[in-house]
C-alpha atoms as a PDB file:
ATOM      1  CA  MET A   1    -105.824  15.673 -91.070  1.00  0.00           C
ATOM      2  CA  GLU A   2    -103.916  18.864 -90.428  1.00  0.00           C
ATOM      3  CA  ASN A   3    -103.343  17.808 -86.801  1.00  0.00           C
ATOM      4  CA  VAL A   4    -101.912  14.465 -87.920  1.00  0.00           C
ATOM      5  CA  HIS A   5     -99.594  16.205 -90.378  1.00  0.00           C
ATOM      6  CA  SER A   6     -98.527  18.706 -87.687  1.00  0.00           C
ATOM      7  CA  ASP A   7     -97.792  15.905 -85.207  1.00  0.00           C
ATOM      8  CA  PHE A   8     -95.782  14.082 -87.884  1.00  0.00           C
ATOM      9  CA  VAL A   9     -93.712  17.207 -88.619  1.00  0.00           C
ATOM     10  CA  THR A  10     -93.133  17.798 -84.903  1.00  0.00           C
ATOM     11  CA  SER A  11     -92.046  14.187 -84.437  1.00  0.00           C
ATOM     12  CA  ARG A  12     -89.599  14.474 -87.352  1.00  0.00           C
ATOM     13  CA  GLN A  13     -88.170  17.688 -85.922  1.00  0.00           C
ATOM     14  CA  LYS A  14     -87.655  16.050 -82.533  1.00  0.00           C
ATOM     15  CA  GLN A  15     -85.904  13.108 -84.190  1.00  0.00           C
ATOM     16  CA  LYS A  16     -83.602  15.454 -86.098  1.00  0.00           C
ATOM     17  CA  LEU A  17     -82.863  17.390 -82.892  1.00  0.00           C
ATOM     18  CA  VAL A  18     -82.040  14.190 -80.987  1.00  0.00           C
ATOM     19  CA  LYS A  19     -79.857  12.972 -83.839  1.00  0.00           C
ATOM     20  CA  SER A  20     -78.087  16.320 -83.980  1.00  0.00           C
ATOM     21  CA  ASN A  21     -77.449  16.280 -80.220  1.00  0.00           C
ATOM     22  CA  LEU A  22     -76.167  12.700 -80.332  1.00  0.00           C
ATOM     23  CA  THR A  23     -73.811  13.643 -83.172  1.00  0.00           C
ATOM     24  CA  ALA A  24     -72.502  16.596 -81.184  1.00  0.00           C
ATOM     25  CA  TYR A  25     -71.915  14.433 -78.095  1.00  0.00           C
ATOM     26  CA  ALA A  26     -70.214  11.818 -80.271  1.00  0.00           C
ATOM     27  CA  PHE A  27     -67.706  14.416 -81.450  1.00  0.00           C
ATOM     28  CA  LEU A  28     -67.268  15.648 -77.870  1.00  0.00           C
ATOM     29  CA  SER A  29     -66.895  12.151 -76.430  1.00  0.00           C
ATOM     30  CA  PRO A  30     -63.069  11.928 -76.807  1.00  0.00           C
ATOM     31  CA  TRP A  31     -62.680  15.112 -74.746  1.00  0.00           C
ATOM     32  CA  ILE A  32     -65.316  14.007 -72.203  1.00  0.00           C
ATOM     33  CA  ILE A  33     -63.688  10.582 -71.787  1.00  0.00           C
ATOM     34  CA  GLY A  34     -60.243  12.179 -71.504  1.00  0.00           C
ATOM     35  CA  PHE A  35     -61.466  14.660 -68.901  1.00  0.00           C
ATOM     36  CA  ILE A  36     -63.090  11.923 -66.803  1.00  0.00           C
ATOM     37  CA  LEU A  37     -60.047   9.637 -66.958  1.00  0.00           C
ATOM     38  CA  PHE A  38     -57.224  12.172 -66.659  1.00  0.00           C
ATOM     39  CA  SER A  39     -58.793  15.042 -64.694  1.00  0.00           C
ATOM     40  CA  GLY A  40     -62.090  14.119 -63.035  1.00  0.00           C
ATOM     41  CA  PHE A  41     -61.067  10.752 -61.598  1.00  0.00           C
ATOM     42  CA  PRO A  42     -57.649  11.951 -60.283  1.00  0.00           C
ATOM     43  CA  ILE A  43     -59.331  14.916 -58.558  1.00  0.00           C
ATOM     44  CA  VAL A  44     -61.900  12.692 -56.841  1.00  0.00           C
ATOM     45  CA  TYR A  45     -59.289  10.071 -55.930  1.00  0.00           C
ATOM     46  CA  THR A  46     -56.950  12.745 -54.526  1.00  0.00           C
ATOM     47  CA  LEU A  47     -59.788  13.996 -52.345  1.00  0.00           C
ATOM     48  CA  PHE A  48     -60.330  10.433 -51.095  1.00  0.00           C
ATOM     49  CA  LEU A  49     -56.614   9.920 -50.403  1.00  0.00           C
ATOM     50  CA  SER A  50     -56.485  13.144 -48.394  1.00  0.00           C
ATOM     51  CA  PHE A  51     -58.488  11.354 -45.698  1.00  0.00           C
ATOM     52  CA  THR A  52     -56.110   8.377 -45.584  1.00  0.00           C
ATOM     53  CA  ASP A  53     -52.673   7.374 -44.369  1.00  0.00           C
ATOM     54  CA  TRP A  54     -50.831   5.872 -47.345  1.00  0.00           C
ATOM     55  CA  SER A  55     -47.110   5.325 -47.764  1.00  0.00           C
ATOM     56  CA  LEU A  56     -47.308   3.424 -51.114  1.00  0.00           C
ATOM     57  CA  MET A  57     -46.120   0.297 -49.280  1.00  0.00           C
ATOM     58  CA  LYS A  58     -49.507  -0.789 -47.955  1.00  0.00           C
ATOM     59  CA  ALA A  59     -53.191  -0.172 -48.566  1.00  0.00           C
ATOM     60  CA  PRO A  60     -54.550   3.306 -47.700  1.00  0.00           C
ATOM     61  CA  LYS A  61     -55.885   3.542 -44.165  1.00  0.00           C
ATOM     62  CA  PHE A  62     -58.784   5.912 -43.494  1.00  0.00           C
ATOM     63  CA  ILE A  63     -57.867   8.441 -40.788  1.00  0.00           C
ATOM     64  CA  GLY A  64     -60.515  11.131 -41.290  1.00  0.00           C
ATOM     65  CA  LEU A  65     -59.361  14.737 -40.920  1.00  0.00           C
ATOM     66  CA  SER A  66     -56.041  13.893 -39.276  1.00  0.00           C
ATOM     67  CA  ASN A  67     -53.999  15.007 -42.288  1.00  0.00           C
ATOM     68  CA  TYR A  68     -55.688  18.393 -42.338  1.00  0.00           C
ATOM     69  CA  THR A  69     -55.288  18.765 -38.567  1.00  0.00           C
ATOM     70  CA  ASN A  70     -51.582  18.008 -38.831  1.00  0.00           C
ATOM     71  CA  ILE A  71     -51.181  20.376 -41.756  1.00  0.00           C
ATOM     72  CA  PHE A  72     -52.730  23.370 -40.022  1.00  0.00           C
ATOM     73  CA  ALA A  73     -50.699  22.637 -36.885  1.00  0.00           C
ATOM     74  CA  SER A  74     -47.452  22.565 -38.864  1.00  0.00           C
ATOM     75  CA  LYS A  75     -45.222  25.633 -38.980  1.00  0.00           C
ATOM     76  CA  ASP A  76     -43.730  24.373 -42.255  1.00  0.00           C
ATOM     77  CA  PHE A  77     -47.159  24.545 -43.888  1.00  0.00           C
ATOM     78  CA  TRP A  78     -47.687  28.176 -42.914  1.00  0.00           C
ATOM     79  CA  ASN A  79     -44.226  29.045 -44.229  1.00  0.00           C
ATOM     80  CA  SER A  80     -45.081  27.330 -47.524  1.00  0.00           C
ATOM     81  CA  LEU A  81     -48.464  29.056 -47.660  1.00  0.00           C
ATOM     82  CA  THR A  82     -46.791  32.449 -47.183  1.00  0.00           C
ATOM     83  CA  ALA A  83     -44.239  31.658 -49.884  1.00  0.00           C
ATOM     84  CA  THR A  84     -47.036  30.510 -52.221  1.00  0.00           C
ATOM     85  CA  LEU A  85     -49.083  33.680 -51.765  1.00  0.00           C
ATOM     86  CA  VAL A  86     -46.069  35.976 -52.137  1.00  0.00           C
ATOM     87  CA  PHE A  87     -44.846  34.178 -55.232  1.00  0.00           C
ATOM     88  CA  ALA A  88     -48.298  33.994 -56.840  1.00  0.00           C
ATOM     89  CA  VAL A  89     -49.297  37.629 -56.233  1.00  0.00           C
ATOM     90  CA  PHE A  90     -46.030  39.264 -57.261  1.00  0.00           C
ATOM     91  CA  SER A  91     -45.358  36.874 -60.124  1.00  0.00           C
ATOM     92  CA  VAL A  92     -48.775  37.614 -61.642  1.00  0.00           C
ATOM     93  CA  ILE A  93     -48.298  41.378 -61.217  1.00  0.00           C
ATOM     94  CA  VAL A  94     -44.813  41.378 -62.745  1.00  0.00           C
ATOM     95  CA  THR A  95     -45.668  39.147 -65.708  1.00  0.00           C
ATOM     96  CA  MET A  96     -48.932  40.996 -66.404  1.00  0.00           C
ATOM     97  CA  ILE A  97     -47.232  44.403 -66.512  1.00  0.00           C
ATOM     98  CA  TRP A  98     -44.392  43.047 -68.638  1.00  0.00           C
ATOM     99  CA  SER A  99     -46.579  41.262 -71.203  1.00  0.00           C
ATOM    100  CA  PHE A 100     -49.038  44.183 -71.453  1.00  0.00           C
ATOM    101  CA  SER A 101     -46.193  46.675 -71.938  1.00  0.00           C
ATOM    102  CA  LEU A 102     -44.699  44.542 -74.701  1.00  0.00           C
ATOM    103  CA  ALA A 103     -48.112  44.196 -76.345  1.00  0.00           C
ATOM    104  CA  LEU A 104     -48.488  47.996 -76.363  1.00  0.00           C
ATOM    105  CA  LEU A 105     -45.098  48.337 -78.047  1.00  0.00           C
ATOM    106  CA  LEU A 106     -45.862  45.627 -80.595  1.00  0.00           C
ATOM    107  CA  ASN A 107     -49.204  47.296 -81.348  1.00  0.00           C
ATOM    108  CA  LYS A 108     -47.366  50.301 -82.784  1.00  0.00           C
ATOM    109  CA  ASP A 109     -46.455  50.285 -86.485  1.00  0.00           C
ATOM    110  CA  LEU A 110     -42.720  49.833 -86.098  1.00  0.00           C
ATOM    111  CA  LYS A 111     -40.305  47.920 -88.292  1.00  0.00           C
ATOM    112  CA  GLY A 112     -39.273  44.514 -87.014  1.00  0.00           C
ATOM    113  CA  ASN A 113     -42.294  43.972 -84.778  1.00  0.00           C
ATOM    114  CA  SER A 114     -42.950  40.470 -86.084  1.00  0.00           C
ATOM    115  CA  ILE A 115     -39.293  39.497 -85.653  1.00  0.00           C
ATOM    116  CA  PHE A 116     -39.238  40.847 -82.099  1.00  0.00           C
ATOM    117  CA  GLN A 117     -42.428  38.967 -81.239  1.00  0.00           C
ATOM    118  CA  PHE A 118     -40.949  35.758 -82.641  1.00  0.00           C
ATOM    119  CA  ILE A 119     -37.691  36.189 -80.702  1.00  0.00           C
ATOM    120  CA  TYR A 120     -39.537  36.863 -77.461  1.00  0.00           C
ATOM    121  CA  PHE A 121     -42.023  34.037 -77.893  1.00  0.00           C
ATOM    122  CA  VAL A 122     -39.418  31.348 -78.691  1.00  0.00           C
ATOM    123  CA  PRO A 123     -38.387  30.899 -75.002  1.00  0.00           C
ATOM    124  CA  ALA A 124     -42.059  30.921 -74.041  1.00  0.00           C
ATOM    125  CA  VAL A 125     -42.737  27.722 -76.012  1.00  0.00           C
ATOM    126  CA  MET A 126     -39.929  25.837 -74.274  1.00  0.00           C
ATOM    127  CA  GLN A 127     -40.643  23.456 -71.427  1.00  0.00           C
ATOM    128  CA  THR A 128     -40.557  25.444 -68.188  1.00  0.00           C
ATOM    129  CA  ILE A 129     -38.255  22.985 -66.465  1.00  0.00           C
ATOM    130  CA  ALA A 130     -35.720  23.155 -69.328  1.00  0.00           C
ATOM    131  CA  LEU A 131     -35.880  26.952 -69.262  1.00  0.00           C
ATOM    132  CA  ALA A 132     -35.365  26.937 -65.488  1.00  0.00           C
ATOM    133  CA  PHE A 133     -32.284  24.714 -65.766  1.00  0.00           C
ATOM    134  CA  ALA A 134     -30.842  27.077 -68.396  1.00  0.00           C
ATOM    135  CA  PHE A 135     -31.333  30.085 -66.129  1.00  0.00           C
ATOM    136  CA  GLN A 136     -29.950  28.086 -63.201  1.00  0.00           C
ATOM    137  CA  LEU A 137     -26.676  27.854 -65.122  1.00  0.00           C
ATOM    138  CA  ILE A 138     -26.799  31.538 -66.077  1.00  0.00           C
ATOM    139  CA  PHE A 139     -27.293  32.665 -62.450  1.00  0.00           C
ATOM    140  CA  ASN A 140     -24.841  30.182 -60.929  1.00  0.00           C
ATOM    141  CA  LYS A 141     -22.607  31.955 -58.410  1.00  0.00           C
ATOM    142  CA  GLU A 142     -19.312  30.364 -59.433  1.00  0.00           C
ATOM    143  CA  ALA A 143     -19.731  29.292 -63.067  1.00  0.00           C
ATOM    144  CA  GLY A 144     -22.632  31.437 -64.273  1.00  0.00           C
ATOM    145  CA  ILE A 145     -22.151  33.587 -67.329  1.00  0.00           C
ATOM    146  CA  LEU A 146     -23.904  36.540 -65.670  1.00  0.00           C
ATOM    147  CA  ASN A 147     -21.359  36.770 -62.851  1.00  0.00           C
ATOM    148  CA  PHE A 148     -18.568  36.254 -65.388  1.00  0.00           C
ATOM    149  CA  VAL A 149     -19.736  39.268 -67.418  1.00  0.00           C
ATOM    150  CA  LEU A 150     -20.357  41.425 -64.324  1.00  0.00           C
ATOM    151  CA  GLY A 151     -16.961  40.465 -62.916  1.00  0.00           C
ATOM    152  CA  ASN A 152     -15.188  41.590 -66.074  1.00  0.00           C
ATOM    153  CA  LEU A 153     -17.159  44.829 -66.323  1.00  0.00           C
ATOM    154  CA  PHE A 154     -17.077  45.928 -62.678  1.00  0.00           C
ATOM    155  CA  ASN A 155     -14.176  43.894 -61.240  1.00  0.00           C
ATOM    156  CA  LEU A 156     -16.388  42.229 -58.635  1.00  0.00           C
ATOM    157  CA  THR A 157     -14.496  40.382 -55.903  1.00  0.00           C
ATOM    158  CA  ASN A 158     -17.569  38.731 -54.376  1.00  0.00           C
ATOM    159  CA  ASN A 159     -19.983  37.216 -56.881  1.00  0.00           C
ATOM    160  CA  PRO A 160     -23.701  37.717 -56.115  1.00  0.00           C
ATOM    161  CA  ASN A 161     -25.453  34.500 -55.141  1.00  0.00           C
ATOM    162  CA  TRP A 162     -28.569  35.231 -57.204  1.00  0.00           C
ATOM    163  CA  LEU A 163     -30.564  32.099 -56.365  1.00  0.00           C
ATOM    164  CA  TYR A 164     -29.604  31.570 -52.716  1.00  0.00           C
ATOM    165  CA  ASP A 165     -29.327  35.081 -51.319  1.00  0.00           C
ATOM    166  CA  PRO A 166     -32.560  35.998 -49.448  1.00  0.00           C
ATOM    167  CA  LYS A 167     -32.320  39.552 -50.803  1.00  0.00           C
ATOM    168  CA  LEU A 168     -31.844  38.502 -54.438  1.00  0.00           C
ATOM    169  CA  VAL A 169     -33.827  35.285 -54.844  1.00  0.00           C
ATOM    170  CA  TYR A 170     -37.270  36.813 -55.448  1.00  0.00           C
ATOM    171  CA  PRO A 171     -36.142  39.442 -58.016  1.00  0.00           C
ATOM    172  CA  THR A 172     -34.217  36.692 -59.810  1.00  0.00           C
ATOM    173  CA  VAL A 173     -37.140  34.266 -59.811  1.00  0.00           C
ATOM    174  CA  PHE A 174     -39.569  36.932 -61.034  1.00  0.00           C
ATOM    175  CA  PHE A 175     -37.145  37.833 -63.830  1.00  0.00           C
ATOM    176  CA  VAL A 176     -37.028  34.209 -64.980  1.00  0.00           C
ATOM    177  CA  ALA A 177     -40.857  34.070 -64.834  1.00  0.00           C
ATOM    178  CA  LEU A 178     -40.956  36.739 -67.561  1.00  0.00           C
ATOM    179  CA  TYR A 179     -39.785  34.134 -70.080  1.00  0.00           C
ATOM    180  CA  THR A 180     -42.237  31.366 -69.296  1.00  0.00           C
ATOM    181  CA  TYR A 181     -45.062  30.126 -71.501  1.00  0.00           C
ATOM    182  CA  SER A 182     -47.680  32.039 -69.507  1.00  0.00           C
ATOM    183  CA  THR A 183     -46.105  35.416 -70.285  1.00  0.00           C
ATOM    184  CA  GLY A 184     -45.738  34.679 -73.987  1.00  0.00           C
ATOM    185  CA  GLN A 185     -49.342  33.507 -74.180  1.00  0.00           C
ATOM    186  CA  MET A 186     -50.561  36.660 -72.407  1.00  0.00           C
ATOM    187  CA  LEU A 187     -48.543  38.779 -74.828  1.00  0.00           C
ATOM    188  CA  LEU A 188     -50.371  37.315 -77.828  1.00  0.00           C
ATOM    189  CA  ILE A 189     -53.782  37.656 -76.149  1.00  0.00           C
ATOM    190  CA  PHE A 190     -53.105  41.265 -75.173  1.00  0.00           C
ATOM    191  CA  ARG A 191     -51.945  42.135 -78.676  1.00  0.00           C
ATOM    192  CA  SER A 192     -55.062  40.582 -80.207  1.00  0.00           C
ATOM    193  CA  GLY A 193     -57.245  42.542 -77.773  1.00  0.00           C
ATOM    194  CA  LEU A 194     -55.515  45.837 -78.560  1.00  0.00           C
ATOM    195  CA  LYS A 195     -56.400  45.425 -82.220  1.00  0.00           C
ATOM    196  CA  GLU A 196     -60.103  45.450 -81.267  1.00  0.00           C
ATOM    197  CA  VAL A 197     -59.989  48.873 -79.553  1.00  0.00           C
ATOM    198  CA  PRO A 198     -61.876  51.310 -81.855  1.00  0.00           C
ATOM    199  CA  VAL A 199     -59.487  53.702 -83.605  1.00  0.00           C
ATOM    200  CA  GLU A 200     -62.287  56.281 -83.853  1.00  0.00           C
ATOM    201  CA  LEU A 201     -62.157  56.837 -80.096  1.00  0.00           C
ATOM    202  CA  PHE A 202     -58.475  57.734 -80.240  1.00  0.00           C
ATOM    203  CA  GLU A 203     -59.097  60.109 -83.113  1.00  0.00           C
ATOM    204  CA  ALA A 204     -61.972  61.799 -81.279  1.00  0.00           C
ATOM    205  CA  SER A 205     -59.960  62.141 -78.081  1.00  0.00           C
ATOM    206  CA  GLN A 206     -57.082  63.587 -80.098  1.00  0.00           C
ATOM    207  CA  LEU A 207     -59.393  66.337 -81.355  1.00  0.00           C
ATOM    208  CA  ASP A 208     -60.461  67.006 -77.754  1.00  0.00           C
ATOM    209  CA  GLY A 209     -56.833  67.493 -76.732  1.00  0.00           C
ATOM    210  CA  ALA A 210     -56.338  64.259 -74.761  1.00  0.00           C
ATOM    211  CA  ASN A 211     -52.745  63.267 -74.068  1.00  0.00           C
ATOM    212  CA  ALA A 212     -51.250  59.765 -74.217  1.00  0.00           C
ATOM    213  CA  PHE A 213     -51.934  59.005 -70.537  1.00  0.00           C
ATOM    214  CA  GLN A 214     -55.576  60.086 -70.795  1.00  0.00           C
ATOM    215  CA  LYS A 215     -56.046  57.905 -73.881  1.00  0.00           C
ATOM    216  CA  PHE A 216     -54.498  54.943 -72.092  1.00  0.00           C
ATOM    217  CA  PHE A 217     -56.498  55.211 -68.857  1.00  0.00           C
ATOM    218  CA  HIS A 218     -59.847  56.269 -70.348  1.00  0.00           C
ATOM    219  CA  ILE A 219     -59.918  54.305 -73.618  1.00  0.00           C
ATOM    220  CA  THR A 220     -57.359  51.497 -73.768  1.00  0.00           C
ATOM    221  CA  LEU A 221     -57.729  50.129 -70.233  1.00  0.00           C
ATOM    222  CA  PRO A 222     -61.576  50.103 -70.138  1.00  0.00           C
ATOM    223  CA  TYR A 223     -61.770  48.308 -73.501  1.00  0.00           C
ATOM    224  CA  MET A 224     -59.028  45.876 -72.489  1.00  0.00           C
ATOM    225  CA  SER A 225     -60.424  45.162 -69.014  1.00  0.00           C
ATOM    226  CA  PRO A 226     -62.174  41.851 -69.997  1.00  0.00           C
ATOM    227  CA  VAL A 227     -58.932  40.642 -71.588  1.00  0.00           C
ATOM    228  CA  ILE A 228     -56.969  41.724 -68.519  1.00  0.00           C
ATOM    229  CA  LEU A 229     -59.366  39.794 -66.272  1.00  0.00           C
ATOM    230  CA  PHE A 230     -58.995  36.664 -68.401  1.00  0.00           C
ATOM    231  CA  ASN A 231     -55.196  36.862 -68.303  1.00  0.00           C
ATOM    232  CA  VAL A 232     -55.141  37.568 -64.560  1.00  0.00           C
ATOM    233  CA  VAL A 233     -57.265  34.499 -63.805  1.00  0.00           C
ATOM    234  CA  MET A 234     -55.355  32.198 -66.165  1.00  0.00           C
ATOM    235  CA  SER A 235     -51.975  33.512 -65.001  1.00  0.00           C
ATOM    236  CA  THR A 236     -52.895  32.990 -61.336  1.00  0.00           C
ATOM    237  CA  ILE A 237     -53.956  29.392 -61.934  1.00  0.00           C
ATOM    238  CA  ALA A 238     -50.855  28.718 -64.045  1.00  0.00           C
ATOM    239  CA  THR A 239     -48.574  30.254 -61.404  1.00  0.00           C
ATOM    240  CA  LEU A 240     -50.051  28.155 -58.593  1.00  0.00           C
ATOM    241  CA  ASN A 241     -49.985  24.929 -60.622  1.00  0.00           C
ATOM    242  CA  ASN A 242     -46.688  25.339 -62.493  1.00  0.00           C
ATOM    243  CA  SER A 243     -44.553  26.909 -59.771  1.00  0.00           C
ATOM    244  CA  PHE A 244     -42.908  23.530 -59.137  1.00  0.00           C
ATOM    245  CA  SER A 245     -41.414  23.229 -62.630  1.00  0.00           C
ATOM    246  CA  LEU A 246     -39.930  26.737 -62.308  1.00  0.00           C
ATOM    247  CA  LEU A 247     -38.745  26.812 -58.686  1.00  0.00           C
ATOM    248  CA  TYR A 248     -37.530  23.237 -58.189  1.00  0.00           C
ATOM    249  CA  PRO A 249     -34.670  23.482 -60.739  1.00  0.00           C
ATOM    250  CA  LEU A 250     -33.850  27.077 -59.747  1.00  0.00           C
ATOM    251  CA  THR A 251     -33.810  27.037 -55.959  1.00  0.00           C
ATOM    252  CA  GLY A 252     -35.155  23.700 -54.708  1.00  0.00           C
ATOM    253  CA  GLY A 253     -37.233  25.687 -52.231  1.00  0.00           C
ATOM    254  CA  GLY A 254     -34.361  27.706 -50.741  1.00  0.00           C
ATOM    255  CA  PRO A 255     -32.920  29.810 -49.348  1.00  0.00           C
ATOM    256  CA  ASN A 256     -34.394  29.270 -45.884  1.00  0.00           C
ATOM    257  CA  ASP A 257     -37.594  27.876 -47.439  1.00  0.00           C
ATOM    258  CA  MET A 258     -38.352  31.299 -48.971  1.00  0.00           C
ATOM    259  CA  THR A 259     -39.400  29.665 -52.264  1.00  0.00           C
ATOM    260  CA  ASN A 260     -40.643  26.367 -50.808  1.00  0.00           C
ATOM    261  CA  VAL A 261     -44.155  26.852 -52.184  1.00  0.00           C
ATOM    262  CA  LEU A 262     -46.961  24.341 -51.680  1.00  0.00           C
ATOM    263  CA  SER A 263     -46.339  22.560 -54.984  1.00  0.00           C
ATOM    264  CA  LEU A 264     -42.744  21.811 -53.895  1.00  0.00           C
ATOM    265  CA  ARG A 265     -43.914  20.642 -50.480  1.00  0.00           C
ATOM    266  CA  ILE A 266     -46.463  18.343 -52.135  1.00  0.00           C
ATOM    267  CA  TYR A 267     -43.673  16.787 -54.203  1.00  0.00           C
ATOM    268  CA  LYS A 268     -41.387  16.343 -51.194  1.00  0.00           C
ATOM    269  CA  GLU A 269     -44.078  14.862 -48.962  1.00  0.00           C
ATOM    270  CA  GLY A 270     -45.471  12.553 -51.642  1.00  0.00           C
ATOM    271  CA  PHE A 271     -42.358  11.334 -53.478  1.00  0.00           C
ATOM    272  CA  LEU A 272     -39.526  11.814 -50.988  1.00  0.00           C
ATOM    273  CA  ASN A 273     -41.232  11.172 -47.652  1.00  0.00           C
ATOM    274  CA  PHE A 274     -43.868   8.793 -49.146  1.00  0.00           C
ATOM    275  CA  ARG A 275     -46.677  10.495 -47.197  1.00  0.00           C
ATOM    276  CA  VAL A 276     -49.137  10.302 -50.073  1.00  0.00           C
ATOM    277  CA  GLY A 277     -52.240  10.975 -47.978  1.00  0.00           C
ATOM    278  CA  TYR A 278     -50.628  14.050 -46.447  1.00  0.00           C
ATOM    279  CA  ALA A 279     -49.500  15.267 -49.879  1.00  0.00           C
ATOM    280  CA  SER A 280     -53.032  14.728 -51.227  1.00  0.00           C
ATOM    281  CA  ALA A 281     -54.426  16.904 -48.436  1.00  0.00           C
ATOM    282  CA  LEU A 282     -51.924  19.616 -49.397  1.00  0.00           C
ATOM    283  CA  SER A 283     -53.085  19.276 -53.021  1.00  0.00           C
ATOM    284  CA  VAL A 284     -56.708  19.789 -51.982  1.00  0.00           C
ATOM    285  CA  ILE A 285     -55.708  22.915 -50.062  1.00  0.00           C
ATOM    286  CA  LEU A 286     -53.803  24.231 -53.091  1.00  0.00           C
ATOM    287  CA  PHE A 287     -56.888  23.581 -55.233  1.00  0.00           C
ATOM    288  CA  LEU A 288     -59.040  25.532 -52.770  1.00  0.00           C
ATOM    289  CA  ILE A 289     -56.552  28.417 -52.794  1.00  0.00           C
ATOM    290  CA  ALA A 290     -56.791  28.602 -56.598  1.00  0.00           C
ATOM    291  CA  ALA A 291     -60.596  28.527 -56.366  1.00  0.00           C
ATOM    292  CA  ILE A 292     -60.607  31.305 -53.742  1.00  0.00           C
ATOM    293  CA  PHE A 293     -58.336  33.430 -55.919  1.00  0.00           C
ATOM    294  CA  GLY A 294     -60.698  32.912 -58.864  1.00  0.00           C
ATOM    295  CA  VAL A 295     -63.811  33.833 -56.870  1.00  0.00           C
ATOM    296  CA  MET A 296     -62.125  36.941 -55.467  1.00  0.00           C
ATOM    297  CA  GLN A 297     -60.926  38.073 -58.879  1.00  0.00           C
ATOM    298  CA  PHE A 298     -64.353  37.654 -60.489  1.00  0.00           C
ATOM    299  CA  SER A 299     -66.144  39.394 -57.618  1.00  0.00           C
ATOM    300  CA  MET A 300     -63.700  42.318 -57.658  1.00  0.00           C
ATOM    301  CA  SER A 301     -63.904  42.540 -61.450  1.00  0.00           C
ATOM    302  CA  LYS A 302     -67.440  43.918 -61.241  1.00  0.00           C
ATOM    303  CA  LYS A 303     -65.941  47.253 -60.182  1.00  0.00           C
ATOM    304  CA  TRP A 304     -63.379  47.651 -62.958  1.00  0.00           C
ATOM    305  CA  VAL A 305     -64.232  45.355 -65.889  1.00  0.00           C
ATOM    306  CA  HIS A 306     -66.334  47.015 -68.584  1.00  0.00           C
ATOM    307  CA  TYR A 307     -68.193  44.972 -71.180  1.00  0.00           C
ATOM    308  CA  GLU A 308     -69.560  46.379 -74.413  1.00  0.00           C
ATOM    309  CA  ASN A 309     -73.336  46.694 -74.495  1.00  0.00           C
END
């Protein structure tokens, strides 16, 4: 009798567990369906198209690895790859340092912190392409307000060509990147992480005679290392994926293809030259570059990221 009752209870528990799981999947189903339709299927279809010759005017023709062979034999691809790596690495470094520095300042009990955070974050919630067009007007050589102000202050006779001078284009682009959504998001995440650093450790180190630099490198950075890793990974992916919306309005890939990153080349090949298969192969390569960056960052993080036990 006891065995029958035990089996009945077990059966009821299994039914409740199945019902609970089905309910959970029912609530998750909109996201799962959306991911399959708008992310999973396009990724798989892009991979398929990368092995085809398709100009949008006729059915895709399977050509095997020809697109990849042509890509790696192209000098333009290697120039774009170099531009992509330079832009991604330095953009992530610059925006990380900037957002972390601002978070450290906002973490101090100073008047007007909330107002400053609001003012800084307002541009970060704008569409990147709209922000880029605004800065394109600001840095315009002939009609830009920046050259107008500098000309009046320093009596310049030759206006700097901020966006099309090979010596100035990267500093200008990295400056504009400071005001994108990614930097504002990192600022908020860094500030939230700083609030979790135990105050007792700072007080104890103060009694031991530690200075501000020692506190920063031996307390703040170790405790913030998981947050730093998260922001580095997310910022790298965002930089690789969203570079088009920033660089296309600003420079169009110039000067001399210095900012013609892979995302711009994908756009030009796919929508201007109608080489959709070739552009899909470039997209797959860009995806692999992002994956390689992620793997490298996680493997290297074992040496410097510290998790609480």
